[in-house]
Amino acid sequence: MTSARITQVEVKDIRFPTSLEAHGSDAMHTDPDYSCAYVIIRTDAGDGLEGHGPTFTIGRGTEIVTTAVKALVPFVQGQQLSDIYGDFGGFYRKITSESQLRWIGPEKGVIQLASCAVLNALWDLWGKREGKPVWKLLSDMEPEQLVSCIDFRYISDVLTKEEAIEMLKKNAATKKEREDYLVKNGYPAYTTSTAWLGYSDDQLRQRCKTALKEGWTRFKMKVGSDLKDDIRRAALLREEIGYDNILMMDANQKWDVQETIDWMKQLAKFKPLWIEEPTSPDDVLGHATISKAMQPLGIGVATGEQCQNRVMFKQFLQAGALQYCQIDSCRVGSVNENVAILLMANKFGVPVCPHAGGVLLCELVHHMSMFDYIAVSATTENRVIEYVEHLREHFKCPVKMQNCHYLPPQYPGYSTQLTEESLRDYEYPKGKVWQDLIQQGKFKPV
């Protein structure tokens, strides 16, 4: 791989008007416009390769994240790629612990979202330069090299470098078998696209019927705004999918701790596998209390999509506060931090079921699950990736599904790239789509 220096870091505010059709609507986020702060990294290599990296947002506030990315540019532009990839853990610490910018984090909130976008772009570029999809890039690494990408500060009391290396060595001899299995069979998924909170009953029924015809057996519904309505909608959903199929529920942080327990006792008769994000994503002990109360009901607790960093995940795992660990590729510090979380979850024996959907989240996170199966957990038991069908037409390398399973991507990079047309037409607020919507009075620029 030839040496190269980063010559440009560009960031765009990309938004899709999904609120017009209630796609993505839940109890807390009633009108999301799926969006992303989108980073493009260019070098002087002369090979035409670029690194593309999103971090997911839902409309307003994306401009704040793009501003934070611009604050990171001086610490990225001009860097040699060999220096970054030769000590990726060190580079991760450099941009997440910059002596002044860390004050508005540290490693959480807007500055972490911005760091994630930059890091996602760097992983995309690394995969492209190596001619490998990121899941393959990770799986092929020697344990020592992979572990060098992790910043172990604040988690070494739970996971040391030496433990991580041994964990990766444990299943190394059989990696090829699992890789071949994935190529043939894919990784199991569940659908959330049938039961957004803003959908009408007719929409819900029709989407369930369509999903069943497509072969889906795992469904998730949004809950949390009105108990009577949740009971009615859950009954409707079970009427459509039956009790042989799996149902999950997601409150998107709507409730207090005791409110969660009381609410879920009323919904337990619908046999949900888990209740997702029942309360504040920062409340570790609250989740632990809920987990204990849900155990006699046979309901697990799933959370993590807005868990801000590896330290929070460490505490959730230590406290027994989740039974399903939901990593997100655009919330924590990209692959570097997610690898650490996968390793910790494996140590605690907690299955990882990533959050996905949004803009490119399915595309990114299935790389992590492929890697987890091949090199870390070596199993898909009790593991499943969320799937949301929206916006696929805007992605240059959309996920490929087979029998409701994710197939491992074969093209180099991190599957992060939007099409040129979408980058042009959906840039906010100057893109053609947004200009048209503003002129029609459907949106007001904020």
Protein backbone atom coordinates (compact mmCIF):
# COMPACT_ATOMS: atom_id res chain seq x y z
CA MET A 1 0.00 0.00 0.00
CA THR A 2 1.54 3.30 -1.13
CA SER A 3 1.97 6.14 1.35
CA ALA A 4 -0.55 8.94 1.26
CA ARG A 5 -1.31 12.18 3.08
CA ILE A 6 -4.78 13.50 3.84
CA THR A 7 -5.28 16.62 1.75
CA GLN A 8 -8.95 17.41 2.31
CA VAL A 9 -11.69 16.70 4.82
CA GLU A 10 -15.10 17.79 3.53
CA VAL A 11 -18.34 17.63 5.51
CA LYS A 12 -21.91 17.87 4.22
CA ASP A 13 -25.29 18.22 5.94
CA ILE A 14 -27.48 15.56 4.27
CA ARG A 15 -31.15 15.19 5.21
CA PHE A 16 -34.05 13.10 3.91
CA PRO A 17 -37.67 14.25 4.56
CA THR A 18 -38.83 10.99 6.14
CA SER A 19 -41.17 12.84 8.52
CA LEU A 20 -43.57 13.40 5.62
CA GLU A 21 -44.57 9.71 5.76
CA ALA A 22 -43.93 9.07 9.49
CA HIS A 23 -41.01 6.72 8.75
CA GLY A 24 -38.89 6.31 11.89
CA SER A 25 -41.54 7.77 14.22
CA ASP A 26 -41.51 6.63 17.85
CA ALA A 27 -42.69 7.76 21.28
CA MET A 28 -39.89 10.30 21.75
CA HIS A 29 -39.00 11.21 18.17
CA THR A 30 -42.33 11.83 16.52
CA ASP A 31 -41.20 13.46 13.27
CA PRO A 32 -37.63 12.42 12.35
CA ASP A 33 -36.03 13.46 9.10
CA TYR A 34 -33.33 10.83 8.69
CA SER A 35 -30.08 12.73 8.23
CA CYS A 36 -26.33 12.55 8.60
CA ALA A 37 -23.24 14.67 8.95
CA TYR A 38 -21.31 13.20 6.04
CA VAL A 39 -17.50 13.31 5.85
CA ILE A 40 -15.38 12.78 2.74
CA ILE A 41 -11.63 12.31 3.13
CA ARG A 42 -9.31 12.73 0.15
CA THR A 43 -5.57 12.10 -0.14
CA ASP A 44 -2.63 12.78 -2.46
CA ALA A 45 -2.27 9.08 -3.35
CA GLY A 46 -3.51 9.64 -6.89
CA ASP A 47 -5.58 6.44 -6.79
CA GLY A 48 -8.97 8.15 -6.82
CA LEU A 49 -9.99 6.54 -3.54
CA GLU A 50 -11.98 8.50 -0.97
CA GLY A 51 -13.11 7.70 2.53
CA HIS A 52 -16.79 8.36 3.22
CA GLY A 53 -18.10 8.51 6.77
CA PRO A 54 -21.55 9.37 8.15
CA THR A 55 -22.83 9.92 11.64
CA PHE A 56 -26.59 9.60 12.02
CA THR A 57 -28.92 12.43 13.04
CA ILE A 58 -32.64 13.04 12.64
CA GLY A 59 -32.83 16.54 11.14
CA ARG A 60 -32.39 19.65 13.27
CA GLY A 61 -29.00 19.64 14.93
CA THR A 62 -27.14 18.14 12.00
CA GLU A 63 -25.62 21.56 11.39
CA ILE A 64 -24.16 21.45 14.91
CA VAL A 65 -22.45 18.13 14.20
CA THR A 66 -21.02 19.41 10.90
CA THR A 67 -19.57 22.38 12.79
CA ALA A 68 -17.95 20.00 15.27
CA VAL A 69 -16.45 18.00 12.39
CA LYS A 70 -14.91 21.20 11.06
CA ALA A 71 -13.32 21.77 14.47
CA LEU A 72 -11.61 18.36 14.13
CA VAL A 73 -10.29 18.96 10.61
CA PRO A 74 -6.96 20.57 11.70
CA PHE A 75 -6.10 17.38 13.59
CA VAL A 76 -6.80 15.15 10.57
CA GLN A 77 -5.84 17.10 7.47
CA GLY A 78 -2.16 16.75 6.62
CA GLN A 79 -1.77 13.44 8.48
CA GLN A 80 -0.03 10.48 6.85
CA LEU A 81 -2.33 7.47 6.55
CA SER A 82 0.54 5.18 7.54
CA ASP A 83 0.84 7.04 10.85
CA ILE A 84 -2.90 6.76 11.50
CA TYR A 85 -3.31 3.09 10.60
CA GLY A 86 0.01 2.16 12.19
CA ASP A 87 -1.28 3.34 15.58
CA PHE A 88 -5.03 3.64 15.15
CA GLY A 89 -5.67 3.39 18.88
CA GLY A 90 -3.30 6.30 19.41
CA PHE A 91 -4.98 8.34 16.69
CA TYR A 92 -8.39 7.58 18.19
CA ARG A 93 -7.18 8.99 21.51
CA LYS A 94 -5.64 12.01 19.76
CA ILE A 95 -8.91 13.23 18.25
CA THR A 96 -11.25 12.15 21.07
CA SER A 97 -9.01 13.57 23.79
CA GLU A 98 -7.78 16.78 22.17
CA SER A 99 -7.00 18.96 25.16
CA GLN A 100 -9.61 21.66 24.50
CA LEU A 101 -12.26 19.94 22.41
CA ARG A 102 -12.64 17.12 24.95
CA TRP A 103 -14.13 19.68 27.36
CA ILE A 104 -17.37 19.57 25.35
CA GLY A 105 -17.45 15.77 25.64
CA PRO A 106 -15.44 13.96 26.67
CA GLU A 107 -16.18 11.09 24.27
CA LYS A 108 -19.90 11.80 24.22
CA GLY A 109 -22.46 14.07 22.66
CA VAL A 110 -21.92 16.13 19.54
CA ILE A 111 -18.12 15.95 19.61
CA GLN A 112 -18.22 12.14 19.73
CA LEU A 113 -20.68 12.05 16.83
CA ALA A 114 -18.27 14.24 14.87
CA SER A 115 -15.30 12.03 15.78
CA CYS A 116 -17.31 9.00 14.70
CA ALA A 117 -17.96 10.45 11.24
CA VAL A 118 -14.25 11.14 10.73
CA LEU A 119 -13.25 7.70 11.98
CA ASN A 120 -15.91 5.98 9.85
CA ALA A 121 -14.45 7.73 6.79
CA LEU A 122 -10.95 6.56 7.73
CA TRP A 123 -12.10 2.94 8.11
CA ASP A 124 -13.87 3.16 4.76
CA LEU A 125 -10.68 4.45 3.15
CA TRP A 126 -8.55 1.76 4.82
CA GLY A 127 -10.80 -0.99 3.50
CA LYS A 128 -10.74 0.48 0.01
CA ARG A 129 -6.94 0.81 0.01
CA GLU A 130 -6.59 -2.80 1.14
CA GLY A 131 -9.20 -3.97 -1.37
CA LYS A 132 -11.35 -5.49 1.39
CA PRO A 133 -14.73 -4.85 2.99
CA VAL A 134 -14.22 -3.71 6.57
CA TRP A 135 -15.59 -6.93 8.09
CA LYS A 136 -12.93 -8.83 6.14
CA LEU A 137 -10.23 -6.29 6.96
CA LEU A 138 -10.95 -6.79 10.67
CA SER A 139 -11.31 -10.57 10.48
CA ASP A 140 -8.01 -10.97 8.63
CA MET A 141 -5.99 -8.86 11.07
CA GLU A 142 -3.63 -10.51 13.49
CA PRO A 143 -4.98 -10.14 17.03
CA GLU A 144 -2.14 -7.85 18.06
CA GLN A 145 -2.79 -5.45 15.18
CA LEU A 146 -6.53 -5.42 15.79
CA VAL A 147 -6.12 -4.76 19.49
CA SER A 148 -3.77 -1.86 18.70
CA CYS A 149 -6.80 -0.05 17.22
CA ILE A 150 -8.51 0.08 20.64
CA ASP A 151 -8.08 2.71 23.33
CA PHE A 152 -8.18 0.66 26.56
CA ARG A 153 -8.20 3.67 28.84
CA TYR A 154 -11.12 3.44 31.29
CA ILE A 155 -11.95 -0.20 30.46
CA SER A 156 -8.79 -2.08 31.45
CA ASP A 157 -10.40 -3.04 34.77
CA VAL A 158 -12.78 -5.20 32.73
CA LEU A 159 -10.78 -6.00 29.59
CA THR A 160 -7.01 -5.87 29.18
CA LYS A 161 -5.06 -5.94 25.94
CA GLU A 162 -3.78 -9.38 26.83
CA GLU A 163 -7.29 -10.73 27.41
CA ALA A 164 -8.48 -9.26 24.13
CA ILE A 165 -5.62 -10.88 22.22
CA GLU A 166 -6.33 -14.26 23.80
CA MET A 167 -10.04 -13.93 23.04
CA LEU A 168 -9.28 -13.30 19.37
CA LYS A 169 -6.78 -16.15 19.20
CA LYS A 170 -9.28 -18.60 20.67
CA ASN A 171 -11.39 -18.88 17.51
CA ALA A 172 -8.74 -18.00 14.94
CA ALA A 173 -8.27 -21.53 13.62
CA THR A 174 -11.93 -21.85 12.57
CA LYS A 175 -12.51 -18.36 11.16
CA LYS A 176 -12.59 -19.58 7.56
CA GLU A 177 -15.45 -21.99 8.31
CA ARG A 178 -17.60 -19.18 9.70
CA GLU A 179 -16.71 -16.84 6.87
CA ASP A 180 -17.82 -19.48 4.34
CA TYR A 181 -21.05 -19.98 6.31
CA LEU A 182 -21.85 -16.25 6.18
CA VAL A 183 -21.20 -16.02 2.46
CA LYS A 184 -23.68 -18.86 1.91
CA ASN A 185 -26.30 -18.19 4.57
CA GLY A 186 -25.92 -14.62 5.80
CA TYR A 187 -26.59 -13.16 9.27
CA PRO A 188 -30.11 -13.20 10.81
CA ALA A 189 -32.16 -9.99 10.86
CA TYR A 190 -35.42 -8.58 12.20
CA THR A 191 -37.63 -5.87 10.74
CA THR A 192 -38.75 -2.61 12.31
CA SER A 193 -40.37 -1.26 9.13
CA THR A 194 -43.80 -2.72 9.89
CA ALA A 195 -44.77 -0.86 13.07
CA TRP A 196 -43.54 2.72 13.37
CA LEU A 197 -45.65 4.59 15.90
CA GLY A 198 -47.00 7.05 13.34
CA TYR A 199 -48.40 4.35 11.04
CA SER A 200 -52.14 3.81 10.77
CA ASP A 201 -53.68 0.43 11.57
CA ASP A 202 -54.15 -0.23 7.87
CA GLN A 203 -50.49 0.53 7.19
CA LEU A 204 -49.41 -1.73 10.04
CA ARG A 205 -51.58 -4.63 8.85
CA GLN A 206 -50.48 -4.31 5.24
CA ARG A 207 -46.81 -4.05 6.14
CA CYS A 208 -47.07 -7.12 8.36
CA LYS A 209 -48.73 -9.10 5.58
CA THR A 210 -46.03 -8.04 3.12
CA ALA A 211 -43.25 -8.87 5.58
CA LEU A 212 -44.68 -12.32 6.28
CA LYS A 213 -44.80 -13.05 2.54
CA GLU A 214 -41.14 -12.01 2.35
CA GLY A 215 -40.29 -14.53 5.06
CA TRP A 216 -39.77 -12.32 8.10
CA THR A 217 -40.15 -14.08 11.45
CA ARG A 218 -38.89 -11.35 13.82
CA PHE A 219 -40.78 -8.05 14.22
CA LYS A 220 -40.33 -4.95 16.35
CA MET A 221 -43.01 -2.45 17.31
CA LYS A 222 -42.75 1.00 18.87
CA VAL A 223 -44.49 1.58 22.21
CA GLY A 224 -44.61 4.15 24.96
CA SER A 225 -47.03 6.98 24.21
CA ASP A 226 -50.34 5.54 25.37
CA LEU A 227 -50.81 2.26 27.23
CA LYS A 228 -54.28 1.50 25.88
CA ASP A 229 -53.11 2.18 22.35
CA ASP A 230 -50.02 0.02 22.87
CA ILE A 231 -52.23 -2.87 24.03
CA ARG A 232 -54.51 -2.41 21.03
CA ARG A 233 -51.63 -2.19 18.54
CA ALA A 234 -49.80 -5.14 20.09
CA ALA A 235 -52.98 -7.24 19.81
CA LEU A 236 -53.32 -6.18 16.20
CA LEU A 237 -49.70 -7.07 15.49
CA ARG A 238 -50.00 -10.48 17.14
CA GLU A 239 -53.19 -11.06 15.18
CA GLU A 240 -51.21 -10.53 11.99
CA ILE A 241 -47.94 -12.33 12.83
CA GLY A 242 -49.18 -14.94 15.30
CA TYR A 243 -47.32 -16.19 18.36
CA ASP A 244 -44.91 -18.47 16.49
CA ASN A 245 -43.01 -15.39 15.32
CA ILE A 246 -40.86 -13.21 17.57
CA LEU A 247 -41.96 -9.76 18.73
CA MET A 248 -39.77 -7.06 20.27
CA MET A 249 -40.89 -3.74 21.77
CA ASP A 250 -39.09 -0.39 21.79
CA ALA A 251 -39.98 2.58 24.03
CA ASN A 252 -37.16 4.86 22.87
CA GLN A 253 -36.37 6.19 26.37
CA LYS A 254 -39.94 7.31 27.11
CA TRP A 255 -40.48 6.02 30.65
CA ASP A 256 -39.24 6.31 34.20
CA VAL A 257 -38.03 3.12 35.86
CA GLN A 258 -41.18 2.19 37.78
CA GLU A 259 -43.34 3.34 34.87
CA THR A 260 -41.47 0.85 32.67
CA ILE A 261 -42.15 -2.00 35.07
CA ASP A 262 -45.84 -1.15 35.43
CA TRP A 263 -46.31 -0.63 31.66
CA MET A 264 -44.53 -3.83 30.66
CA LYS A 265 -46.55 -5.93 33.10
CA GLN A 266 -49.56 -4.93 31.00
CA LEU A 267 -47.78 -5.76 27.73
CA ALA A 268 -46.19 -9.01 28.92
CA LYS A 269 -49.16 -11.07 27.68
CA PHE A 270 -48.02 -10.34 24.12
CA LYS A 271 -44.76 -12.23 24.84
CA PRO A 272 -42.16 -9.68 23.73
CA LEU A 273 -38.59 -10.96 23.57
CA TRP A 274 -37.27 -7.66 24.88
CA ILE A 275 -38.17 -4.14 25.84
CA GLU A 276 -35.71 -1.77 24.18
CA GLU A 277 -34.51 1.56 25.57
CA PRO A 278 -37.19 1.71 28.28
CA THR A 279 -35.68 4.69 30.11
CA SER A 280 -32.80 7.16 30.00
CA PRO A 281 -29.87 5.71 28.03
CA ASP A 282 -27.52 6.93 30.79
CA ASP A 283 -29.34 5.23 33.69
CA VAL A 284 -27.32 2.09 34.26
CA LEU A 285 -28.82 1.22 37.64
CA GLY A 286 -32.33 2.01 36.41
CA HIS A 287 -31.87 -0.51 33.62
CA ALA A 288 -30.57 -3.01 36.17
CA THR A 289 -33.72 -2.56 38.26
CA ILE A 290 -35.89 -3.01 35.17
CA SER A 291 -33.93 -6.11 34.11
CA LYS A 292 -34.51 -7.71 37.50
CA ALA A 293 -38.24 -6.94 37.33
CA MET A 294 -38.56 -8.25 33.78
CA GLN A 295 -36.89 -11.58 34.49
CA PRO A 296 -40.00 -13.31 35.95
CA LEU A 297 -41.96 -12.07 32.90
CA GLY A 298 -39.49 -13.66 30.49
CA ILE A 299 -38.66 -10.28 28.96
CA GLY A 300 -35.11 -9.12 28.35
CA VAL A 301 -33.83 -5.55 28.30
CA ALA A 302 -32.07 -4.27 25.18
CA THR A 303 -30.24 -0.97 24.96
CA GLY A 304 -27.20 0.74 23.50
CA GLU A 305 -28.15 2.73 20.42
CA GLN A 306 -27.68 5.97 22.39
CA CYS A 307 -25.10 4.63 24.80
CA GLN A 308 -22.35 7.17 24.36
CA ASN A 309 -19.08 5.27 24.75
CA ARG A 310 -17.31 2.09 25.80
CA VAL A 311 -17.30 3.20 29.45
CA MET A 312 -21.10 3.26 29.59
CA PHE A 313 -21.27 -0.16 27.94
CA LYS A 314 -18.75 -1.45 30.48
CA GLN A 315 -21.00 -0.34 33.32
CA PHE A 316 -24.18 -1.74 31.74
CA LEU A 317 -22.44 -5.10 31.40
CA GLN A 318 -20.97 -5.03 34.91
CA ALA A 319 -24.38 -4.23 36.41
CA GLY A 320 -26.27 -6.92 34.51
CA ALA A 321 -28.42 -4.08 33.20
CA LEU A 322 -28.97 -5.45 29.69
CA GLN A 323 -29.58 -8.87 28.21
CA TYR A 324 -29.11 -7.69 24.60
CA CYS A 325 -26.29 -5.29 23.74
CA GLN A 326 -27.19 -2.89 20.94
CA ILE A 327 -24.13 -1.30 19.42
CA ASP A 328 -24.50 1.49 16.88
CA SER A 329 -21.94 2.36 14.19
CA CYS A 330 -22.70 6.10 14.31
CA ARG A 331 -22.98 6.79 18.04
CA VAL A 332 -19.75 5.64 19.70
CA GLY A 333 -16.25 6.12 18.29
CA SER A 334 -16.62 4.07 15.12
CA VAL A 335 -15.05 0.63 14.64
CA ASN A 336 -12.30 1.32 17.19
CA GLU A 337 -14.74 1.61 20.07
CA ASN A 338 -17.24 -0.96 18.79
CA VAL A 339 -14.56 -3.66 18.65
CA ALA A 340 -13.86 -2.97 22.32
CA ILE A 341 -17.59 -3.24 23.12
CA LEU A 342 -17.92 -6.51 21.18
CA LEU A 343 -15.03 -7.98 23.15
CA MET A 344 -16.47 -6.86 26.50
CA ALA A 345 -19.92 -8.20 25.63
CA ASN A 346 -18.35 -11.52 24.69
CA LYS A 347 -16.53 -11.68 28.02
CA PHE A 348 -19.82 -11.13 29.86
CA GLY A 349 -21.69 -13.59 27.64
CA VAL A 350 -24.19 -10.97 26.42
CA PRO A 351 -25.36 -11.29 22.80
CA VAL A 352 -24.89 -8.27 20.54
CA CYS A 353 -27.94 -7.26 18.48
CA PRO A 354 -27.00 -4.03 16.72
CA HIS A 355 -29.24 -1.04 16.23
CA ALA A 356 -29.66 -0.14 12.56
CA GLY A 357 -31.90 1.76 10.16
CA GLY A 358 -31.57 5.49 9.65
CA VAL A 359 -29.08 6.67 7.04
CA LEU A 360 -26.55 3.91 6.25
CA LEU A 361 -26.76 2.32 9.72
CA CYS A 362 -27.69 -1.10 8.33
CA GLU A 363 -24.85 -0.80 5.83
CA LEU A 364 -22.24 -0.03 8.49
CA VAL A 365 -23.27 -2.19 11.40
CA HIS A 366 -23.58 -5.48 9.54
CA HIS A 367 -19.80 -5.33 9.05
CA MET A 368 -19.47 -5.40 12.84
CA SER A 369 -21.79 -8.38 13.27
CA MET A 370 -19.97 -10.31 10.53
CA PHE A 371 -16.67 -9.65 12.29
CA ASP A 372 -18.16 -10.59 15.67
CA TYR A 373 -19.35 -13.94 14.35
CA ILE A 374 -16.13 -14.76 12.52
CA ALA A 375 -13.55 -13.62 15.06
CA VAL A 376 -15.12 -12.94 18.48
CA SER A 377 -18.30 -14.73 19.58
CA ALA A 378 -18.25 -17.47 16.90
CA THR A 379 -22.04 -17.82 17.15
CA THR A 380 -25.27 -16.25 15.90
CA GLU A 381 -27.33 -17.74 18.74
CA ASN A 382 -29.67 -15.11 20.21
CA ARG A 383 -28.10 -12.57 17.88
CA VAL A 384 -29.88 -10.58 15.21
CA ILE A 385 -29.37 -7.31 13.31
CA GLU A 386 -32.12 -4.73 12.92
CA TYR A 387 -33.26 -4.09 9.36
CA VAL A 388 -35.11 -1.02 8.08
CA GLU A 389 -35.96 -0.83 4.39
CA HIS A 390 -36.13 2.92 3.94
CA LEU A 391 -33.73 5.00 1.75
CA ARG A 392 -31.90 2.07 0.13
CA GLU A 393 -32.12 3.81 -3.26
CA HIS A 394 -29.77 6.54 -2.04
CA PHE A 395 -26.91 4.21 -1.09
CA LYS A 396 -24.13 3.31 -3.48
CA CYS A 397 -23.56 -0.06 -1.82
CA PRO A 398 -26.85 -1.01 -0.13
CA VAL A 399 -27.04 -4.14 1.97
CA LYS A 400 -27.98 -7.36 0.23
CA MET A 401 -30.56 -9.58 1.89
CA GLN A 402 -31.25 -13.27 1.34
CA ASN A 403 -34.10 -15.00 3.16
CA CYS A 404 -34.23 -12.15 5.69
CA HIS A 405 -30.52 -12.49 6.39
CA TYR A 406 -27.77 -9.97 5.74
CA LEU A 407 -25.20 -11.18 3.23
CA PRO A 408 -21.60 -10.10 3.82
CA PRO A 409 -20.65 -7.29 1.40
CA GLN A 410 -17.89 -8.14 -1.05
CA TYR A 411 -16.89 -4.65 -2.22
CA PRO A 412 -14.03 -2.81 -0.50
CA GLY A 413 -14.72 -0.29 2.24
CA TYR A 414 -17.31 0.28 4.93
CA SER A 415 -20.46 0.51 2.74
CA THR A 416 -20.73 4.17 3.75
CA GLN A 417 -21.18 5.91 0.41
CA LEU A 418 -24.24 7.83 -0.75
CA THR A 419 -24.84 8.26 -4.47
CA GLU A 420 -23.60 11.45 -6.11
CA GLU A 421 -27.17 12.41 -6.99
CA SER A 422 -28.34 12.06 -3.39
CA LEU A 423 -25.38 14.03 -2.06
CA ARG A 424 -26.28 16.81 -4.46
CA ASP A 425 -30.08 16.81 -4.19
CA TYR A 426 -30.49 16.21 -0.44
CA GLU A 427 -27.82 18.55 0.89
CA TYR A 428 -29.53 20.83 3.38
CA PRO A 429 -30.82 23.42 2.68
CA LYS A 430 -29.44 24.13 -0.79
CA GLY A 431 -30.16 20.77 -2.46
CA LYS A 432 -32.91 20.62 -5.08
CA VAL A 433 -35.22 18.42 -3.02
CA TRP A 434 -35.08 20.76 -0.04
CA GLN A 435 -35.45 23.88 -2.15
CA ASP A 436 -38.58 22.41 -3.72
CA LEU A 437 -40.06 21.40 -0.35
CA ILE A 438 -39.35 24.83 1.11
CA GLN A 439 -40.97 26.55 -1.87
CA GLN A 440 -44.01 24.27 -1.51
CA GLY A 441 -44.34 25.31 2.11
CA LYS A 442 -43.85 21.78 3.43
CA PHE A 443 -40.71 22.76 5.36
CA LYS A 444 -39.32 25.96 6.79
CA PRO A 445 -35.52 26.25 6.97
CA VAL A 446 -34.41 26.47 10.61
